[in-house]
Each structure stands twice: as structure tokens, then as C-alpha cells.
Amino acid sequence: MGLTVLLFALAGFVAWFYLVPGPDKLTQIDWASGGGAGVEQAVQGTGFGTHGQKLDVWRPVGRAGERLPVVVFFYGGGWHAGTREGYAFAGRALAAQGFVVVIPDYRKVPDVRFPAFVADGAEAMRWVRDHVGEQGGDVARIAVMGHSAGAYIAAMLNLDSRYLIATCADPHLIKAAVGLSGPYDFYPFTTDNSRNAFGAFAVPAETQPISYARADAAPMLLATSDKDTTVKPRNAVALRDRLEALGAKVQFRNYPGLGHEDVVMALSKPFRGKAAVLADSVAFLHAALDEGGRGQR
């Protein structure tokens, strides 16, 4: 009997390890490690936008009556994979630091191509503008943040004001942006993911966040890692250099020894020893949002 139970348990572990996507596994491990302490999921799967998109909201407990800064977190997945549920670890991590955190889904390849997923991000921002106050969020202190393809969406929303103007009529809704391991200057398209998502667009330069760098963009923190072979560090370096040349506010972090996934993993409770990604992001966000929201409440 004991051997049978052991074999069933082993089979279950193998199935979990190979069949559950990596971010979902990380979210489960984060929860088991106490990553949910002091936070709550205030909204689960509420609809937004015009294409059946859904989002979740995480917030700290015990802060009723306060107006808290807001982070809209866009997950990665090469524009073809990922779910909001799989990145609950990021929502919990930021909520525990005093933010109201919104994690929206967005349409993906092959169902859509650029610019649909950026437009979905803008529709999420409209929901945040209209409803985040109901969850204790301060509409005058809204930031965007993302990893990989999600960092791309966050950067496009911050730099190309046409998306916010079209959906929110407010190009200054975003007061800060954090990009973790994001692609910002990646034409010509050399990977299947980028070709599938952007290759059919008529003007490739218009798909690149670096094309929209401007002096009056909200402050940005661009984080990369020197072992990232998926989205090479030159993306963050190039955008940093362009923003600095224009006089924009930008900070840069390179986490030595980390690969592409390590950077976002470091947000989770079990892996924060990898690098100070959470602490650096939180410090930047508080400084930028306090400045950006001053006089607008």
C-alpha cells in the first residue's frame, strides 16, 4: 500500500511539473511559501474592453479608507502565451508593498497581431481610470509594469500616447513605467514570436517602442540581465540611451548573472534572493508616483 501511494504521489508530481505552465507553478510555489500574506484578491475575472478581456485586482488588507498607488502589470509570454492567473505571484508581491495591482489579460497571436494587444492594454487602462477607485486605488498615481512581452505593452502605452488618447482621452494617465526584460528595439524581426506578432505590419518602425521615445514620457525604470538570451540587454540599453538623450527621466538596472525568466521570478517570495528586483521596482514606483501624483488629488 505504501509503495502504491508513493507511486501515485510521484506520478502526480511529474504531471504537475511537466503539464502546468512555468508561471502557474511559480504562483503555486509562491503561495505555499507565504506569498499571499497580508494581501487579498479583490477582483477576479471581471470583464473589460470590447473583446471579452478579463482582469484581476490584488490589494493589501487592512488599508480601507486609504487611496493607494496603482500598478497595472502586464505579463509576458512572447505575445502568444500567458494568463493573468499565472502571474498572481507578481500581483501579490506588489500588493504586499502597498499597491493596488491590476493584472489584465490581452488577446494574443495567432488570434490577433500587432497592434491588438497594445490596444487591449489601453482598454485595461480605461477600466483602471473608471473603476480602480472602487478598490482603494488613487487614479492620480497609476503606473504600468510588465515583463518581456508585457514590458513591451507597458512601454508602448507610456511612450506612444495615441493609445491612451484613443481610449481614455488622457495621454498623461500613466505616471511611471517599469519594464523588466522588455523588447524595445528589435527590428529586424529575427524570432518566430516577433515575426508572427509584427511581421505583417506595414511599417515596422511603428512597432518599436524606441520610435516613440519622448522627453515628456512618464519616468521609466528599465531592467535587464546580462545572461538574457531571449530579449537581449541591448534593448534596454538602446531605449535608455535614447530617453537620456532627449532629457527624459529614466533609470536603468542590470542584474548580473540572471537569465530572462530569473528577473520576473525574483518578484516571488521564494526567489527574491536572486536580485533586488522587487525592492528596486518599489523604490522607483513610490518616488515616481509620489512626484507624478502631487497636486492632482
Protein backbone atom coordinates (compact mmCIF):
# COMPACT_ATOMS: atom_id res chain seq x y z
CA MET A 1 0.00 0.00 0.00
CA GLY A 2 2.79 2.41 0.91
CA LEU A 3 4.55 1.86 -2.42
CA THR A 4 1.29 2.41 -4.33
CA VAL A 5 0.68 5.73 -2.58
CA LEU A 6 4.25 6.77 -3.25
CA LEU A 7 3.94 5.93 -6.94
CA PHE A 8 0.69 7.87 -7.23
CA ALA A 9 2.29 10.85 -5.50
CA LEU A 10 5.30 10.66 -7.80
CA ALA A 11 3.07 10.45 -10.86
CA GLY A 12 1.13 13.48 -9.65
CA PHE A 13 4.32 15.47 -9.16
CA VAL A 14 5.61 14.53 -12.62
CA ALA A 15 2.29 15.56 -14.19
CA TRP A 16 2.34 18.86 -12.28
CA PHE A 17 5.94 19.55 -13.24
CA TYR A 18 5.53 18.87 -16.96
CA LEU A 19 1.93 19.92 -17.62
CA VAL A 20 1.48 23.07 -15.53
CA PRO A 21 2.99 26.16 -17.21
CA GLY A 22 6.02 27.69 -15.51
CA PRO A 23 4.34 30.89 -14.25
CA ASP A 24 1.45 28.90 -12.79
CA LYS A 25 3.91 26.67 -10.97
CA LEU A 26 5.69 29.73 -9.65
CA THR A 27 2.41 31.22 -8.45
CA GLN A 28 1.59 28.00 -6.59
CA ILE A 29 5.05 27.81 -5.03
CA ASP A 30 4.84 31.47 -4.06
CA TRP A 31 1.52 30.88 -2.32
CA ALA A 32 2.86 27.85 -0.46
CA SER A 33 5.81 29.98 0.67
CA GLY A 34 3.56 32.63 2.23
CA GLY A 35 3.44 34.99 -0.72
CA GLY A 36 -0.23 35.72 -0.06
CA ALA A 37 0.26 37.05 3.46
CA GLY A 38 -1.30 40.45 4.01
CA VAL A 39 -2.99 40.71 0.62
CA GLU A 40 -6.32 39.81 -0.93
CA GLN A 41 -7.71 39.27 -4.40
CA ALA A 42 -10.36 41.96 -4.53
CA VAL A 43 -11.49 41.30 -8.11
CA GLN A 44 -11.31 38.05 -10.04
CA GLY A 45 -12.02 37.82 -13.75
CA THR A 46 -14.06 40.97 -14.19
CA GLY A 47 -14.69 41.93 -17.79
CA PHE A 48 -13.31 44.99 -19.55
CA GLY A 49 -12.91 46.26 -23.06
CA THR A 50 -14.61 45.29 -26.28
CA HIS A 51 -13.28 41.78 -26.85
CA GLY A 52 -14.19 39.81 -23.73
CA GLN A 53 -10.94 40.52 -21.89
CA LYS A 54 -10.77 39.95 -18.13
CA LEU A 55 -8.64 41.22 -15.27
CA ASP A 56 -7.82 40.57 -11.62
CA VAL A 57 -7.12 43.04 -8.82
CA TRP A 58 -4.88 42.45 -5.80
CA ARG A 59 -4.60 44.82 -2.85
CA PRO A 60 -3.22 44.90 0.69
CA VAL A 61 -5.56 44.08 3.55
CA GLY A 62 -6.22 46.48 6.40
CA ARG A 63 -5.89 49.65 4.31
CA ALA A 64 -9.56 50.56 3.99
CA GLY A 65 -10.17 54.26 3.53
CA GLU A 66 -6.71 54.94 2.05
CA ARG A 67 -6.00 55.93 -1.52
CA LEU A 68 -3.17 53.66 -2.62
CA PRO A 69 -0.88 53.91 -5.66
CA VAL A 70 -1.81 51.65 -8.57
CA VAL A 71 0.31 49.30 -10.70
CA VAL A 72 -1.10 47.74 -13.88
CA PHE A 73 1.04 44.65 -14.51
CA PHE A 74 1.24 43.10 -17.99
CA TYR A 75 2.62 39.56 -18.07
CA GLY A 76 4.95 38.12 -20.68
CA GLY A 77 4.72 35.13 -22.98
CA GLY A 78 6.03 36.16 -26.39
CA TRP A 79 2.67 37.74 -27.34
CA HIS A 80 1.23 34.23 -27.73
CA ALA A 81 1.11 32.75 -24.20
CA GLY A 82 0.49 33.68 -20.56
CA THR A 83 -2.51 34.25 -18.29
CA ARG A 84 -3.34 36.71 -15.56
CA GLU A 85 -3.79 33.82 -13.10
CA GLY A 86 -0.27 32.59 -13.75
CA TYR A 87 1.18 35.91 -12.63
CA ALA A 88 -0.70 36.21 -9.36
CA PHE A 89 2.69 36.00 -7.64
CA ALA A 90 3.56 39.41 -9.12
CA GLY A 91 0.23 40.88 -8.04
CA ARG A 92 0.66 39.59 -4.50
CA ALA A 93 4.26 40.80 -4.27
CA LEU A 94 3.37 44.36 -5.27
CA ALA A 95 0.16 44.45 -3.22
CA ALA A 96 2.15 43.47 -0.14
CA GLN A 97 4.22 46.60 -0.74
CA GLY A 98 1.16 48.84 -0.57
CA PHE A 99 -0.09 48.97 -4.16
CA VAL A 100 -3.43 48.18 -5.73
CA VAL A 101 -2.38 45.85 -8.55
CA VAL A 102 -4.37 45.19 -11.72
CA ILE A 103 -3.39 42.22 -13.92
CA PRO A 104 -5.24 42.25 -17.24
CA ASP A 105 -5.37 39.59 -19.91
CA TYR A 106 -4.94 40.60 -23.56
CA ARG A 107 -5.53 38.95 -26.92
CA LYS A 108 -2.63 37.01 -28.38
CA VAL A 109 -1.14 35.52 -31.52
CA PRO A 110 -2.43 33.70 -33.57
CA ASP A 111 -5.87 35.19 -32.93
CA VAL A 112 -4.54 38.74 -33.37
CA ARG A 113 -1.44 40.60 -34.48
CA PHE A 114 0.04 43.99 -33.57
CA PRO A 115 -1.40 46.40 -32.51
CA ALA A 116 -4.33 44.49 -30.97
CA PHE A 117 -2.57 43.51 -27.74
CA VAL A 118 -1.43 47.09 -27.15
CA ALA A 119 -4.96 48.33 -27.78
CA ASP A 120 -6.19 45.79 -25.22
CA GLY A 121 -3.71 47.24 -22.76
CA ALA A 122 -5.18 50.69 -23.37
CA GLU A 123 -8.68 49.34 -22.74
CA ALA A 124 -7.43 47.95 -19.44
CA MET A 125 -6.17 51.42 -18.59
CA ARG A 126 -9.63 52.82 -19.26
CA TRP A 127 -11.11 50.31 -16.80
CA VAL A 128 -8.48 51.33 -14.26
CA ARG A 129 -9.30 55.01 -14.72
CA ASP A 130 -13.01 54.37 -14.26
CA HIS A 131 -13.02 51.69 -11.55
CA VAL A 132 -9.77 51.42 -9.60
CA GLY A 133 -11.05 53.97 -7.09
CA GLU A 134 -13.65 51.41 -6.05
CA GLN A 135 -10.77 49.16 -4.96
CA GLY A 136 -8.94 51.84 -3.00
CA GLY A 137 -6.68 52.95 -5.84
CA ASP A 138 -5.59 56.53 -6.45
CA VAL A 139 -6.32 57.47 -10.05
CA ALA A 140 -3.72 60.24 -9.84
CA ARG A 141 -0.96 57.68 -9.13
CA ILE A 142 -1.12 54.99 -11.82
CA ALA A 143 1.92 53.10 -13.13
CA VAL A 144 2.36 50.37 -15.71
CA MET A 145 4.78 47.48 -15.33
CA GLY A 146 5.48 44.32 -17.25
CA HIS A 147 7.88 41.51 -18.05
CA SER A 148 9.08 40.62 -21.55
CA ALA A 149 6.13 40.98 -23.96
CA GLY A 150 4.28 42.65 -21.09
CA ALA A 151 7.11 45.16 -20.72
CA TYR A 152 6.67 45.88 -24.43
CA ILE A 153 2.98 46.68 -23.88
CA ALA A 154 3.78 48.85 -20.86
CA ALA A 155 6.43 50.75 -22.83
CA MET A 156 4.17 51.32 -25.82
CA LEU A 157 1.37 52.64 -23.62
CA ASN A 158 3.77 55.00 -21.90
CA LEU A 159 5.59 56.24 -25.00
CA ASP A 160 3.02 56.22 -27.82
CA SER A 161 0.30 58.49 -26.46
CA ARG A 162 -2.13 57.65 -29.28
CA TYR A 163 -3.37 54.56 -27.44
CA LEU A 164 -4.36 56.41 -24.28
CA ILE A 165 -5.81 59.31 -26.24
CA ALA A 166 -8.00 56.92 -28.24
CA THR A 167 -9.33 55.01 -25.24
CA CYS A 168 -9.02 57.31 -22.23
CA ALA A 169 -8.73 60.81 -23.75
CA ASP A 170 -5.86 61.30 -21.29
CA PRO A 171 -2.27 60.92 -22.54
CA HIS A 172 -0.96 61.61 -19.03
CA LEU A 173 -2.86 58.89 -17.18
CA ILE A 174 0.37 56.91 -16.67
CA LYS A 175 2.74 58.47 -14.14
CA ALA A 176 5.52 55.82 -14.18
CA ALA A 177 6.55 52.69 -16.07
CA VAL A 178 8.71 49.69 -15.19
CA GLY A 179 9.96 47.35 -17.90
CA LEU A 180 11.51 44.03 -16.88
CA SER A 181 13.47 42.27 -19.65
CA GLY A 182 11.50 44.04 -22.34
CA PRO A 183 11.97 44.25 -26.14
CA TYR A 184 12.04 47.88 -27.23
CA ASP A 185 14.30 47.96 -30.30
CA PHE A 186 14.12 44.58 -32.03
CA TYR A 187 13.69 45.21 -35.74
CA PRO A 188 14.57 43.39 -37.97
CA PHE A 189 12.46 40.56 -36.60
CA THR A 190 14.68 37.54 -36.03
CA THR A 191 12.47 35.20 -33.97
CA ASP A 192 9.26 33.34 -34.74
CA ASN A 193 7.49 35.20 -31.92
CA SER A 194 8.37 38.63 -33.27
CA ARG A 195 7.69 37.70 -36.90
CA ASN A 196 4.32 36.20 -36.01
CA ALA A 197 3.28 39.20 -33.92
CA PHE A 198 4.67 42.04 -36.03
CA GLY A 199 5.86 40.75 -39.40
CA ALA A 200 2.68 41.60 -41.28
CA PHE A 201 2.58 45.21 -40.14
CA ALA A 202 3.27 47.59 -43.00
CA VAL A 203 5.63 49.99 -41.20
CA PRO A 204 7.97 48.04 -38.89
CA ALA A 205 9.37 51.18 -37.23
CA GLU A 206 5.91 51.91 -35.85
CA THR A 207 6.00 48.63 -33.89
CA GLN A 208 9.11 49.66 -31.93
CA PRO A 209 8.82 51.44 -28.57
CA ILE A 210 12.11 53.25 -29.19
CA SER A 211 10.47 55.05 -32.11
CA TYR A 212 8.21 56.90 -29.66
CA ALA A 213 10.79 57.93 -27.06
CA ARG A 214 10.00 61.48 -25.95
CA ALA A 215 11.19 63.91 -23.33
CA ASP A 216 7.81 64.23 -21.60
CA ALA A 217 7.14 60.50 -21.17
CA ALA A 218 6.45 59.32 -17.65
CA PRO A 219 9.62 58.23 -15.80
CA MET A 220 10.79 54.75 -16.72
CA LEU A 221 12.79 52.06 -14.95
CA LEU A 222 14.35 49.69 -17.48
CA ALA A 223 15.68 46.45 -16.00
CA THR A 224 17.63 43.77 -17.83
CA SER A 225 20.11 41.00 -17.06
CA ASP A 226 23.39 40.12 -18.69
CA LYS A 227 22.54 36.42 -19.19
CA ASP A 228 19.28 37.13 -21.01
CA THR A 229 19.44 35.44 -24.41
CA THR A 230 15.69 35.75 -25.07
CA VAL A 231 15.45 39.54 -25.04
CA LYS A 232 18.97 40.83 -25.25
CA PRO A 233 20.07 43.62 -22.88
CA ARG A 234 20.79 45.92 -25.83
CA ASN A 235 17.02 46.62 -25.97
CA ALA A 236 17.01 48.30 -22.58
CA VAL A 237 20.36 49.97 -23.22
CA ALA A 238 19.17 51.46 -26.52
CA LEU A 239 15.94 52.82 -25.06
CA ARG A 240 17.74 54.19 -22.02
CA ASP A 241 20.24 55.99 -24.24
CA ARG A 242 17.52 57.45 -26.44
CA LEU A 243 15.48 58.67 -23.47
CA GLU A 244 18.53 60.17 -21.78
CA ALA A 245 19.49 61.97 -24.99
CA LEU A 246 16.02 63.51 -25.11
CA GLY A 247 16.14 64.59 -21.47
CA ALA A 248 13.51 62.12 -20.26
CA LYS A 249 13.57 60.65 -16.77
CA VAL A 250 14.90 57.08 -16.90
CA GLN A 251 16.65 54.66 -14.57
CA PHE A 252 18.48 51.53 -15.61
CA ARG A 253 19.25 48.26 -13.80
CA ASN A 254 21.34 45.34 -15.00
CA TYR A 255 21.13 42.24 -12.81
CA PRO A 256 24.33 40.26 -13.36
CA GLY A 257 24.15 36.51 -13.72
CA LEU A 258 20.39 36.38 -14.27
CA GLY A 259 18.56 34.98 -17.30
CA HIS A 260 15.34 36.14 -18.88
CA GLU A 261 12.91 34.39 -16.53
CA ASP A 262 15.03 34.98 -13.43
CA VAL A 263 14.19 38.68 -13.40
CA VAL A 264 10.45 38.17 -13.01
CA MET A 265 10.95 35.14 -10.75
CA ALA A 266 12.74 37.47 -8.34
CA LEU A 267 9.40 39.15 -7.61
CA SER A 268 8.15 35.95 -5.97
CA LYS A 269 8.76 35.25 -2.31
CA PRO A 270 10.87 32.08 -2.74
CA PHE A 271 13.27 33.65 -5.24
CA ARG A 272 13.81 37.20 -4.02
CA GLY A 273 17.38 36.32 -3.18
CA LYS A 274 18.17 36.22 -6.89
CA ALA A 275 18.23 40.02 -7.16
CA ALA A 276 16.64 43.14 -5.68
CA VAL A 277 14.10 43.41 -8.50
CA LEU A 278 11.13 43.93 -6.18
CA ALA A 279 12.89 46.39 -3.89
CA ASP A 280 14.29 48.40 -6.81
CA SER A 281 10.92 48.50 -8.59
CA VAL A 282 9.04 49.52 -5.44
CA ALA A 283 11.50 52.29 -4.59
CA PHE A 284 11.29 53.66 -8.13
CA LEU A 285 7.49 53.44 -8.23
CA HIS A 286 6.97 55.18 -4.90
CA ALA A 287 9.34 58.01 -5.85
CA ALA A 288 7.87 58.48 -9.33
CA LEU A 289 4.22 58.18 -8.29
CA ASP A 290 4.56 60.50 -5.33
CA GLU A 291 6.03 63.12 -7.66
CA GLY A 292 3.65 62.38 -10.54
CA GLY A 293 0.53 62.49 -8.40
CA ARG A 294 1.43 65.59 -6.43
CA GLY A 295 -1.17 68.31 -6.79
CA GLN A 296 -3.61 66.09 -8.72
CA ARG A 297 -5.61 64.54 -5.90
